[in-house]
Amino acid sequence: MSATVATLAKEEENHGKLKAVEDQHGGIIVNMEEPMDSSLFASLLEASILQWREQGKKGLWIKLAREHSNLVDPAIKAGFKFHHAEPDYLMLVHWISNAPDTLPANASHRVAIGAFVMNANREILVVQESNGRFSGAGIWKLPTGAVDEGEDICTAAVREVKEETGIDTEFVEVLAFKERHKSFFRKSELFFVCMLRPHSFKIQRQVSEIEAAQWMAVEDYMAQPFVRENEVFNFVTKVGLSKIDGNYAGFSTILSTTSSRKKSYLYFNKDAARMLPSKL
């Protein structure tokens, strides 16, 4: 055992339990930032659980960085289970109370976008993917992609179109969205169809993921058997055309700031907002 680990071990032994902080709900969070021998960890964890149970604590969380994977086994043997994992850490959780378990589950959804982009000639920006379930099928489809962690839906739509086709766009509004369950590692998916306004028109496809990209007459796009026979794709196109013709209003954005001064967007229907009372 190195001097650093030995010193840390001595400190932990003197305290008799693992270093931890309380969460906002009276639970306990252990963030293992330093290396520790697995046997010592098991011993301290057992003693800590006894003390936390006596204190009436309910939910226990242990955050293990990748380099502390040796501590996973003793944590599991102590009753912990996996909650979620990120590239640099694993989170484990344990409910030690006899009361009903109220620990929040891991995130249940991921978010994706589809981009409806039409030019002044009533041509839709479409792509053929070189990977995935549409690869090699000859199907022309709207640009799509996943929203990155911490990314706004409106920003993701603009980014995905730029990456896949090289076209610069401006977010207009969310036309519609759908929900699909068990679509990605047992998670559900929220898929937002966004209308974008093009600011450039020369296509430069993403070679790694896009087989082809073009501006296609909307009539030709809708004539594809895939679009004609797929109720959702067919309906989304009609919604997009209704918006272009001024007969439909989706959800626009207004920039808002939370109490923590973080910026976010509120999505709302402008037409409906005109009917809101000016005074309460």
C-alpha atoms as a PDB file:
ATOM      1  CA  MET A   1       0.000   0.000   0.000  1.00  0.00           C
ATOM      2  CA  SER A   2       1.389   3.414  -1.009  1.00  0.00           C
ATOM      3  CA  ALA A   3       2.013   6.174   1.510  1.00  0.00           C
ATOM      4  CA  THR A   4      -0.926   8.166   0.122  1.00  0.00           C
ATOM      5  CA  VAL A   5      -3.328   5.241   0.363  1.00  0.00           C
ATOM      6  CA  ALA A   6      -2.025   4.329   3.814  1.00  0.00           C
ATOM      7  CA  THR A   7      -2.520   7.878   5.069  1.00  0.00           C
ATOM      8  CA  LEU A   8      -6.047   8.003   3.685  1.00  0.00           C
ATOM      9  CA  ALA A   9      -6.845   4.592   5.162  1.00  0.00           C
ATOM     10  CA  LYS A  10      -5.641   5.767   8.579  1.00  0.00           C
ATOM     11  CA  GLU A  11      -7.823   8.862   8.391  1.00  0.00           C
ATOM     12  CA  GLU A  12     -10.865   6.785   7.470  1.00  0.00           C
ATOM     13  CA  GLU A  13     -10.202   4.292  10.267  1.00  0.00           C
ATOM     14  CA  ASN A  14      -9.968   7.116  12.774  1.00  0.00           C
ATOM     15  CA  HIS A  15     -13.375   8.414  11.734  1.00  0.00           C
ATOM     16  CA  GLY A  16     -14.863   4.916  11.724  1.00  0.00           C
ATOM     17  CA  LYS A  17     -16.897   5.449   8.593  1.00  0.00           C
ATOM     18  CA  LEU A  18     -16.645   6.661   5.030  1.00  0.00           C
ATOM     19  CA  LYS A  19     -16.560  10.357   4.247  1.00  0.00           C
ATOM     20  CA  ALA A  20     -19.967  11.435   2.993  1.00  0.00           C
ATOM     21  CA  VAL A  21     -22.351  14.367   2.593  1.00  0.00           C
ATOM     22  CA  GLU A  22     -26.129  14.562   2.919  1.00  0.00           C
ATOM     23  CA  ASP A  23     -28.227  15.133  -0.172  1.00  0.00           C
ATOM     24  CA  GLN A  24     -31.259  17.442  -0.331  1.00  0.00           C
ATOM     25  CA  HIS A  25     -33.572  14.610   0.684  1.00  0.00           C
ATOM     26  CA  GLY A  26     -31.764  13.454   3.800  1.00  0.00           C
ATOM     27  CA  GLY A  27     -29.888  10.706   2.030  1.00  0.00           C
ATOM     28  CA  ILE A  28     -26.155  10.059   1.944  1.00  0.00           C
ATOM     29  CA  ILE A  29     -23.714  10.538  -0.923  1.00  0.00           C
ATOM     30  CA  VAL A  30     -20.264   8.933  -0.838  1.00  0.00           C
ATOM     31  CA  ASN A  31     -17.931  10.240  -3.504  1.00  0.00           C
ATOM     32  CA  MET A  32     -14.835   8.051  -3.668  1.00  0.00           C
ATOM     33  CA  GLU A  33     -12.198  10.406  -5.023  1.00  0.00           C
ATOM     34  CA  GLU A  34      -9.112   8.663  -3.643  1.00  0.00           C
ATOM     35  CA  PRO A  35      -7.928   5.041  -4.012  1.00  0.00           C
ATOM     36  CA  MET A  36      -8.677   2.572  -1.221  1.00  0.00           C
ATOM     37  CA  ASP A  37      -8.032  -1.083  -0.517  1.00  0.00           C
ATOM     38  CA  SER A  38     -11.214  -3.080  -1.181  1.00  0.00           C
ATOM     39  CA  SER A  39     -11.059  -4.903   2.175  1.00  0.00           C
ATOM     40  CA  LEU A  40     -10.777  -1.626   4.073  1.00  0.00           C
ATOM     41  CA  PHE A  41     -13.612  -0.174   2.004  1.00  0.00           C
ATOM     42  CA  ALA A  42     -15.840  -3.160   2.791  1.00  0.00           C
ATOM     43  CA  SER A  43     -15.188  -2.797   6.500  1.00  0.00           C
ATOM     44  CA  LEU A  44     -15.792   0.960   6.561  1.00  0.00           C
ATOM     45  CA  LEU A  45     -18.884   0.619   4.400  1.00  0.00           C
ATOM     46  CA  GLU A  46     -20.397  -1.943   6.781  1.00  0.00           C
ATOM     47  CA  ALA A  47     -19.735   0.314   9.790  1.00  0.00           C
ATOM     48  CA  SER A  48     -21.044   3.355   7.926  1.00  0.00           C
ATOM     49  CA  ILE A  49     -24.301   1.664   6.955  1.00  0.00           C
ATOM     50  CA  LEU A  50     -24.939   0.741  10.584  1.00  0.00           C
ATOM     51  CA  GLN A  51     -24.433   4.344  11.699  1.00  0.00           C
ATOM     52  CA  TRP A  52     -26.530   5.782   8.871  1.00  0.00           C
ATOM     53  CA  ARG A  53     -29.341   3.355   9.628  1.00  0.00           C
ATOM     54  CA  GLU A  54     -29.276   4.392  13.306  1.00  0.00           C
ATOM     55  CA  GLN A  55     -29.451   8.028  12.170  1.00  0.00           C
ATOM     56  CA  GLY A  56     -32.600   7.266  10.185  1.00  0.00           C
ATOM     57  CA  LYS A  57     -31.025   7.701   6.772  1.00  0.00           C
ATOM     58  CA  LYS A  58     -32.804   6.033   3.884  1.00  0.00           C
ATOM     59  CA  GLY A  59     -31.111   6.378   0.513  1.00  0.00           C
ATOM     60  CA  LEU A  60     -27.377   5.805   0.063  1.00  0.00           C
ATOM     61  CA  TRP A  61     -25.418   6.742  -3.052  1.00  0.00           C
ATOM     62  CA  ILE A  62     -21.841   5.782  -3.904  1.00  0.00           C
ATOM     63  CA  LYS A  63     -20.064   7.422  -6.825  1.00  0.00           C
ATOM     64  CA  LEU A  64     -17.062   5.438  -8.052  1.00  0.00           C
ATOM     65  CA  ALA A  65     -14.638   6.843 -10.586  1.00  0.00           C
ATOM     66  CA  ARG A  66     -13.348   4.429 -13.236  1.00  0.00           C
ATOM     67  CA  GLU A  67     -10.033   4.018 -11.441  1.00  0.00           C
ATOM     68  CA  HIS A  68     -11.827   2.742  -8.316  1.00  0.00           C
ATOM     69  CA  SER A  69     -13.531  -0.230  -9.968  1.00  0.00           C
ATOM     70  CA  ASN A  70     -12.016  -2.511  -7.306  1.00  0.00           C
ATOM     71  CA  LEU A  71     -14.663  -1.183  -4.927  1.00  0.00           C
ATOM     72  CA  VAL A  72     -17.645  -2.311  -7.010  1.00  0.00           C
ATOM     73  CA  ASP A  73     -17.673  -5.882  -5.696  1.00  0.00           C
ATOM     74  CA  PRO A  74     -17.707  -5.017  -1.961  1.00  0.00           C
ATOM     75  CA  ALA A  75     -20.418  -2.415  -2.593  1.00  0.00           C
ATOM     76  CA  ILE A  76     -22.597  -4.980  -4.373  1.00  0.00           C
ATOM     77  CA  LYS A  77     -22.065  -7.480  -1.556  1.00  0.00           C
ATOM     78  CA  ALA A  78     -23.184  -4.780   0.911  1.00  0.00           C
ATOM     79  CA  GLY A  79     -26.518  -4.496  -0.892  1.00  0.00           C
ATOM     80  CA  PHE A  80     -25.874  -1.749  -3.423  1.00  0.00           C
ATOM     81  CA  LYS A  81     -27.155  -1.974  -6.983  1.00  0.00           C
ATOM     82  CA  PHE A  82     -26.234  -0.159 -10.192  1.00  0.00           C
ATOM     83  CA  HIS A  83     -28.134   3.064 -10.822  1.00  0.00           C
ATOM     84  CA  HIS A  84     -26.387   4.564 -13.849  1.00  0.00           C
ATOM     85  CA  ALA A  85     -22.994   4.851 -15.494  1.00  0.00           C
ATOM     86  CA  GLU A  86     -21.170   7.587 -17.371  1.00  0.00           C
ATOM     87  CA  PRO A  87     -17.842   7.373 -19.241  1.00  0.00           C
ATOM     88  CA  ASP A  88     -15.901   8.412 -16.124  1.00  0.00           C
ATOM     89  CA  TYR A  89     -17.911   7.016 -13.200  1.00  0.00           C
ATOM     90  CA  LEU A  90     -20.418   4.471 -11.918  1.00  0.00           C
ATOM     91  CA  MET A  91     -23.227   5.371  -9.515  1.00  0.00           C
ATOM     92  CA  LEU A  92     -24.523   2.745  -7.079  1.00  0.00           C
ATOM     93  CA  VAL A  93     -27.515   3.050  -4.775  1.00  0.00           C
ATOM     94  CA  HIS A  94     -28.881   1.291  -1.691  1.00  0.00           C
ATOM     95  CA  TRP A  95     -32.190   1.858   0.161  1.00  0.00           C
ATOM     96  CA  ILE A  96     -31.651   0.931   3.827  1.00  0.00           C
ATOM     97  CA  SER A  97     -34.990   1.983   5.310  1.00  0.00           C
ATOM     98  CA  ASN A  98     -38.068  -0.181   5.934  1.00  0.00           C
ATOM     99  CA  ALA A  99     -40.172   2.602   4.452  1.00  0.00           C
ATOM    100  CA  PRO A 100     -41.205   2.363   0.764  1.00  0.00           C
ATOM    101  CA  ASP A 101     -38.287   2.973  -1.604  1.00  0.00           C
ATOM    102  CA  THR A 102     -38.589   6.473  -3.076  1.00  0.00           C
ATOM    103  CA  LEU A 103     -35.196   6.724  -4.763  1.00  0.00           C
ATOM    104  CA  PRO A 104     -35.531   8.212  -8.260  1.00  0.00           C
ATOM    105  CA  ALA A 105     -34.911   5.826 -11.118  1.00  0.00           C
ATOM    106  CA  ASN A 106     -32.318   6.446 -13.789  1.00  0.00           C
ATOM    107  CA  ALA A 107     -33.297   8.697 -16.709  1.00  0.00           C
ATOM    108  CA  SER A 108     -36.037   6.987 -18.700  1.00  0.00           C
ATOM    109  CA  HIS A 109     -35.856   8.898 -21.990  1.00  0.00           C
ATOM    110  CA  ARG A 110     -33.415  10.120 -24.554  1.00  0.00           C
ATOM    111  CA  VAL A 111     -34.228  13.007 -26.918  1.00  0.00           C
ATOM    112  CA  ALA A 112     -33.848  13.118 -30.696  1.00  0.00           C
ATOM    113  CA  ILE A 113     -34.790  15.528 -33.465  1.00  0.00           C
ATOM    114  CA  GLY A 114     -35.905  15.448 -37.070  1.00  0.00           C
ATOM    115  CA  ALA A 115     -35.433  18.553 -39.235  1.00  0.00           C
ATOM    116  CA  PHE A 116     -37.999  19.818 -41.747  1.00  0.00           C
ATOM    117  CA  VAL A 117     -36.153  22.278 -44.007  1.00  0.00           C
ATOM    118  CA  MET A 118     -37.791  23.696 -47.150  1.00  0.00           C
ATOM    119  CA  ASN A 119     -36.453  26.230 -49.642  1.00  0.00           C
ATOM    120  CA  ALA A 120     -38.356  28.832 -51.696  1.00  0.00           C
ATOM    121  CA  ASN A 121     -38.909  26.267 -54.488  1.00  0.00           C
ATOM    122  CA  ARG A 122     -40.873  24.017 -52.095  1.00  0.00           C
ATOM    123  CA  GLU A 123     -38.046  21.510 -52.044  1.00  0.00           C
ATOM    124  CA  ILE A 124     -37.297  19.574 -48.850  1.00  0.00           C
ATOM    125  CA  LEU A 125     -33.777  18.880 -47.622  1.00  0.00           C
ATOM    126  CA  VAL A 126     -33.429  15.091 -47.516  1.00  0.00           C
ATOM    127  CA  VAL A 127     -30.670  12.536 -46.948  1.00  0.00           C
ATOM    128  CA  GLN A 128     -29.884   8.879 -47.474  1.00  0.00           C
ATOM    129  CA  GLU A 129     -28.036   7.345 -44.534  1.00  0.00           C
ATOM    130  CA  SER A 130     -25.034   5.061 -44.960  1.00  0.00           C
ATOM    131  CA  ASN A 131     -25.599   3.441 -41.537  1.00  0.00           C
ATOM    132  CA  GLY A 132     -28.569   2.264 -39.510  1.00  0.00           C
ATOM    133  CA  ARG A 133     -31.872   0.660 -40.459  1.00  0.00           C
ATOM    134  CA  PHE A 134     -32.337   2.807 -43.577  1.00  0.00           C
ATOM    135  CA  SER A 135     -28.889   2.022 -44.992  1.00  0.00           C
ATOM    136  CA  GLY A 136     -29.019   0.703 -48.547  1.00  0.00           C
ATOM    137  CA  ALA A 137     -32.812   1.001 -48.738  1.00  0.00           C
ATOM    138  CA  GLY A 138     -32.807   3.935 -51.162  1.00  0.00           C
ATOM    139  CA  ILE A 139     -35.048   5.914 -48.825  1.00  0.00           C
ATOM    140  CA  TRP A 140     -34.852   9.693 -48.769  1.00  0.00           C
ATOM    141  CA  LYS A 141     -35.602  10.976 -45.275  1.00  0.00           C
ATOM    142  CA  LEU A 142     -35.370  14.072 -43.134  1.00  0.00           C
ATOM    143  CA  PRO A 143     -32.082  14.745 -41.334  1.00  0.00           C
ATOM    144  CA  THR A 144     -32.275  13.294 -37.818  1.00  0.00           C
ATOM    145  CA  GLY A 145     -30.043  12.879 -34.784  1.00  0.00           C
ATOM    146  CA  ALA A 146     -29.760  12.674 -31.010  1.00  0.00           C
ATOM    147  CA  VAL A 147     -29.675  15.708 -28.735  1.00  0.00           C
ATOM    148  CA  ASP A 148     -26.381  15.894 -26.841  1.00  0.00           C
ATOM    149  CA  GLU A 149     -26.217  16.163 -23.053  1.00  0.00           C
ATOM    150  CA  GLY A 150     -26.871  19.764 -21.997  1.00  0.00           C
ATOM    151  CA  GLU A 151     -27.946  20.763 -25.517  1.00  0.00           C
ATOM    152  CA  ASP A 152     -31.198  22.553 -26.338  1.00  0.00           C
ATOM    153  CA  ILE A 153     -33.574  20.947 -28.831  1.00  0.00           C
ATOM    154  CA  CYS A 154     -33.517  24.005 -31.079  1.00  0.00           C
ATOM    155  CA  THR A 155     -29.706  24.052 -31.070  1.00  0.00           C
ATOM    156  CA  ALA A 156     -29.459  20.325 -31.746  1.00  0.00           C
ATOM    157  CA  ALA A 157     -31.685  20.588 -34.831  1.00  0.00           C
ATOM    158  CA  VAL A 158     -29.502  23.322 -36.358  1.00  0.00           C
ATOM    159  CA  ARG A 159     -26.330  21.383 -35.508  1.00  0.00           C
ATOM    160  CA  GLU A 160     -27.532  18.081 -36.971  1.00  0.00           C
ATOM    161  CA  VAL A 161     -28.529  19.671 -40.277  1.00  0.00           C
ATOM    162  CA  LYS A 162     -25.181  21.422 -40.519  1.00  0.00           C
ATOM    163  CA  GLU A 163     -23.267  18.221 -39.741  1.00  0.00           C
ATOM    164  CA  GLU A 164     -25.198  15.989 -42.144  1.00  0.00           C
ATOM    165  CA  THR A 165     -25.695  18.366 -45.081  1.00  0.00           C
ATOM    166  CA  GLY A 166     -23.503  21.452 -44.580  1.00  0.00           C
ATOM    167  CA  ILE A 167     -26.600  23.673 -44.755  1.00  0.00           C
ATOM    168  CA  ASP A 168     -26.808  26.646 -42.378  1.00  0.00           C
ATOM    169  CA  THR A 169     -30.264  27.053 -40.851  1.00  0.00           C
ATOM    170  CA  GLU A 170     -32.271  28.982 -38.293  1.00  0.00           C
ATOM    171  CA  PHE A 171     -34.683  27.327 -35.873  1.00  0.00           C
ATOM    172  CA  VAL A 172     -38.322  28.312 -36.460  1.00  0.00           C
ATOM    173  CA  GLU A 173     -40.381  26.056 -34.200  1.00  0.00           C
ATOM    174  CA  VAL A 174     -41.198  22.547 -33.028  1.00  0.00           C
ATOM    175  CA  LEU A 175     -43.881  21.236 -35.365  1.00  0.00           C
ATOM    176  CA  ALA A 176     -44.749  18.077 -33.456  1.00  0.00           C
ATOM    177  CA  PHE A 177     -43.221  15.336 -31.339  1.00  0.00           C
ATOM    178  CA  LYS A 178     -43.748  11.643 -30.781  1.00  0.00           C
ATOM    179  CA  GLU A 179     -42.803   9.150 -28.077  1.00  0.00           C
ATOM    180  CA  ARG A 180     -41.426   5.666 -28.703  1.00  0.00           C
ATOM    181  CA  HIS A 181     -40.723   3.146 -25.955  1.00  0.00           C
ATOM    182  CA  LYS A 182     -37.892   0.630 -25.566  1.00  0.00           C
ATOM    183  CA  SER A 183     -36.094   2.125 -28.544  1.00  0.00           C
ATOM    184  CA  PHE A 184     -32.560   2.508 -27.161  1.00  0.00           C
ATOM    185  CA  PHE A 185     -31.142   0.176 -24.483  1.00  0.00           C
ATOM    186  CA  ARG A 186     -34.633  -0.187 -22.946  1.00  0.00           C
ATOM    187  CA  LYS A 187     -35.064   3.605 -22.838  1.00  0.00           C
ATOM    188  CA  SER A 188     -37.930   5.561 -24.340  1.00  0.00           C
ATOM    189  CA  GLU A 189     -37.340   8.253 -26.944  1.00  0.00           C
ATOM    190  CA  LEU A 190     -38.900  11.679 -27.405  1.00  0.00           C
ATOM    191  CA  PHE A 191     -38.569  12.661 -31.064  1.00  0.00           C
ATOM    192  CA  PHE A 192     -39.112  16.349 -31.885  1.00  0.00           C
ATOM    193  CA  VAL A 193     -39.793  17.401 -35.477  1.00  0.00           C
ATOM    194  CA  CYS A 194     -38.360  20.904 -35.913  1.00  0.00           C
ATOM    195  CA  MET A 195     -38.907  23.352 -38.742  1.00  0.00           C
ATOM    196  CA  LEU A 196     -35.752  25.209 -39.770  1.00  0.00           C
ATOM    197  CA  ARG A 197     -35.273  28.115 -42.172  1.00  0.00           C
ATOM    198  CA  PRO A 198     -32.304  27.626 -44.556  1.00  0.00           C
ATOM    199  CA  HIS A 199     -29.671  30.353 -44.843  1.00  0.00           C
ATOM    200  CA  SER A 200     -27.453  28.500 -47.326  1.00  0.00           C
ATOM    201  CA  PHE A 201     -28.275  26.036 -50.074  1.00  0.00           C
ATOM    202  CA  LYS A 202     -25.103  24.334 -51.298  1.00  0.00           C
ATOM    203  CA  ILE A 203     -24.983  20.819 -49.896  1.00  0.00           C
ATOM    204  CA  GLN A 204     -21.810  19.293 -48.476  1.00  0.00           C
ATOM    205  CA  ARG A 205     -22.787  15.919 -47.096  1.00  0.00           C
ATOM    206  CA  GLN A 206     -21.217  14.269 -44.066  1.00  0.00           C
ATOM    207  CA  VAL A 207     -19.150  11.542 -45.714  1.00  0.00           C
ATOM    208  CA  SER A 208     -18.954   9.284 -42.648  1.00  0.00           C
ATOM    209  CA  GLU A 209     -22.726   8.932 -42.124  1.00  0.00           C
ATOM    210  CA  ILE A 210     -24.587  10.290 -45.141  1.00  0.00           C
ATOM    211  CA  GLU A 211     -24.626   8.418 -48.451  1.00  0.00           C
ATOM    212  CA  ALA A 212     -26.354  11.235 -50.336  1.00  0.00           C
ATOM    213  CA  ALA A 213     -28.184  14.513 -49.721  1.00  0.00           C
ATOM    214  CA  GLN A 214     -30.284  16.751 -51.935  1.00  0.00           C
ATOM    215  CA  TRP A 215     -33.105  19.250 -52.229  1.00  0.00           C
ATOM    216  CA  MET A 216     -36.136  17.216 -53.351  1.00  0.00           C
ATOM    217  CA  ALA A 217     -39.509  18.427 -54.619  1.00  0.00           C
ATOM    218  CA  VAL A 218     -42.034  17.847 -51.871  1.00  0.00           C
ATOM    219  CA  GLU A 219     -44.271  15.902 -54.302  1.00  0.00           C
ATOM    220  CA  ASP A 220     -41.433  13.475 -55.056  1.00  0.00           C
ATOM    221  CA  TYR A 221     -40.641  13.077 -51.389  1.00  0.00           C
ATOM    222  CA  MET A 222     -44.245  12.271 -50.498  1.00  0.00           C
ATOM    223  CA  ALA A 223     -44.532   9.889 -53.454  1.00  0.00           C
ATOM    224  CA  GLN A 224     -42.034   7.495 -51.879  1.00  0.00           C
ATOM    225  CA  PRO A 225     -43.781   4.287 -50.760  1.00  0.00           C
ATOM    226  CA  PHE A 226     -41.996   4.610 -47.416  1.00  0.00           C
ATOM    227  CA  VAL A 227     -43.589   8.018 -46.784  1.00  0.00           C
ATOM    228  CA  ARG A 228     -47.006   7.116 -48.258  1.00  0.00           C
ATOM    229  CA  GLU A 229     -47.292   3.981 -46.131  1.00  0.00           C
ATOM    230  CA  ASN A 230     -45.886   5.437 -42.909  1.00  0.00           C
ATOM    231  CA  GLU A 231     -48.658   7.367 -41.192  1.00  0.00           C
ATOM    232  CA  VAL A 232     -46.322   9.422 -39.000  1.00  0.00           C
ATOM    233  CA  PHE A 233     -43.900  10.452 -41.771  1.00  0.00           C
ATOM    234  CA  ASN A 234     -46.796  11.290 -44.064  1.00  0.00           C
ATOM    235  CA  PHE A 235     -48.554  13.356 -41.423  1.00  0.00           C
ATOM    236  CA  VAL A 236     -45.376  15.208 -40.417  1.00  0.00           C
ATOM    237  CA  THR A 237     -44.840  16.310 -44.013  1.00  0.00           C
ATOM    238  CA  LYS A 238     -48.405  17.594 -44.235  1.00  0.00           C
ATOM    239  CA  VAL A 239     -47.929  19.493 -40.979  1.00  0.00           C
ATOM    240  CA  GLY A 240     -44.751  21.076 -42.365  1.00  0.00           C
ATOM    241  CA  LEU A 241     -46.529  22.152 -45.534  1.00  0.00           C
ATOM    242  CA  SER A 242     -49.423  23.572 -43.504  1.00  0.00           C
ATOM    243  CA  LYS A 243     -46.904  25.645 -41.554  1.00  0.00           C
ATOM    244  CA  ILE A 244     -45.294  26.903 -44.768  1.00  0.00           C
ATOM    245  CA  ASP A 245     -48.744  27.913 -46.062  1.00  0.00           C
ATOM    246  CA  GLY A 246     -49.612  29.716 -42.816  1.00  0.00           C
ATOM    247  CA  ASN A 247     -52.258  27.261 -41.643  1.00  0.00           C
ATOM    248  CA  TYR A 248     -50.475  25.737 -38.667  1.00  0.00           C
ATOM    249  CA  ALA A 249     -48.594  26.974 -35.613  1.00  0.00           C
ATOM    250  CA  GLY A 250     -46.210  24.816 -33.635  1.00  0.00           C
ATOM    251  CA  PHE A 251     -44.073  25.692 -30.637  1.00  0.00           C
ATOM    252  CA  SER A 252     -41.674  28.627 -30.829  1.00  0.00           C
ATOM    253  CA  THR A 253     -39.059  29.493 -28.226  1.00  0.00           C
ATOM    254  CA  ILE A 254     -38.535  32.239 -25.730  1.00  0.00           C
ATOM    255  CA  LEU A 255     -35.253  32.494 -23.841  1.00  0.00           C
ATOM    256  CA  SER A 256     -35.648  32.254 -20.087  1.00  0.00           C
ATOM    257  CA  THR A 257     -33.286  32.287 -17.128  1.00  0.00           C
ATOM    258  CA  THR A 258     -33.645  30.074 -14.073  1.00  0.00           C
ATOM    259  CA  SER A 259     -32.979  31.075 -10.473  1.00  0.00           C
ATOM    260  CA  SER A 260     -29.450  29.698 -10.872  1.00  0.00           C
ATOM    261  CA  ARG A 261     -28.931  32.096 -13.828  1.00  0.00           C
ATOM    262  CA  LYS A 262     -28.746  29.206 -16.277  1.00  0.00           C
ATOM    263  CA  LYS A 263     -30.270  29.891 -19.671  1.00  0.00           C
ATOM    264  CA  SER A 264     -32.994  27.655 -21.045  1.00  0.00           C
ATOM    265  CA  TYR A 265     -35.811  27.824 -23.562  1.00  0.00           C
ATOM    266  CA  LEU A 266     -39.565  27.780 -23.079  1.00  0.00           C
ATOM    267  CA  TYR A 267     -41.431  26.294 -26.045  1.00  0.00           C
ATOM    268  CA  PHE A 268     -44.896  27.730 -26.591  1.00  0.00           C
ATOM    269  CA  ASN A 269     -47.594  28.273 -29.222  1.00  0.00           C
ATOM    270  CA  LYS A 270     -47.523  31.912 -30.360  1.00  0.00           C
ATOM    271  CA  ASP A 271     -51.103  31.887 -31.659  1.00  0.00           C
ATOM    272  CA  ALA A 272     -52.432  30.573 -28.365  1.00  0.00           C
ATOM    273  CA  ALA A 273     -50.247  33.039 -26.455  1.00  0.00           C
ATOM    274  CA  ARG A 274     -52.087  35.951 -28.087  1.00  0.00           C
ATOM    275  CA  MET A 275     -55.187  34.886 -26.202  1.00  0.00           C
ATOM    276  CA  LEU A 276     -53.486  34.920 -22.812  1.00  0.00           C
ATOM    277  CA  PRO A 277     -54.828  37.555 -20.383  1.00  0.00           C
ATOM    278  CA  SER A 278     -52.693  40.687 -20.215  1.00  0.00           C
ATOM    279  CA  LYS A 279     -53.361  40.916 -16.474  1.00  0.00           C
ATOM    280  CA  LEU A 280     -54.110  38.312 -13.842  1.00  0.00           C
END
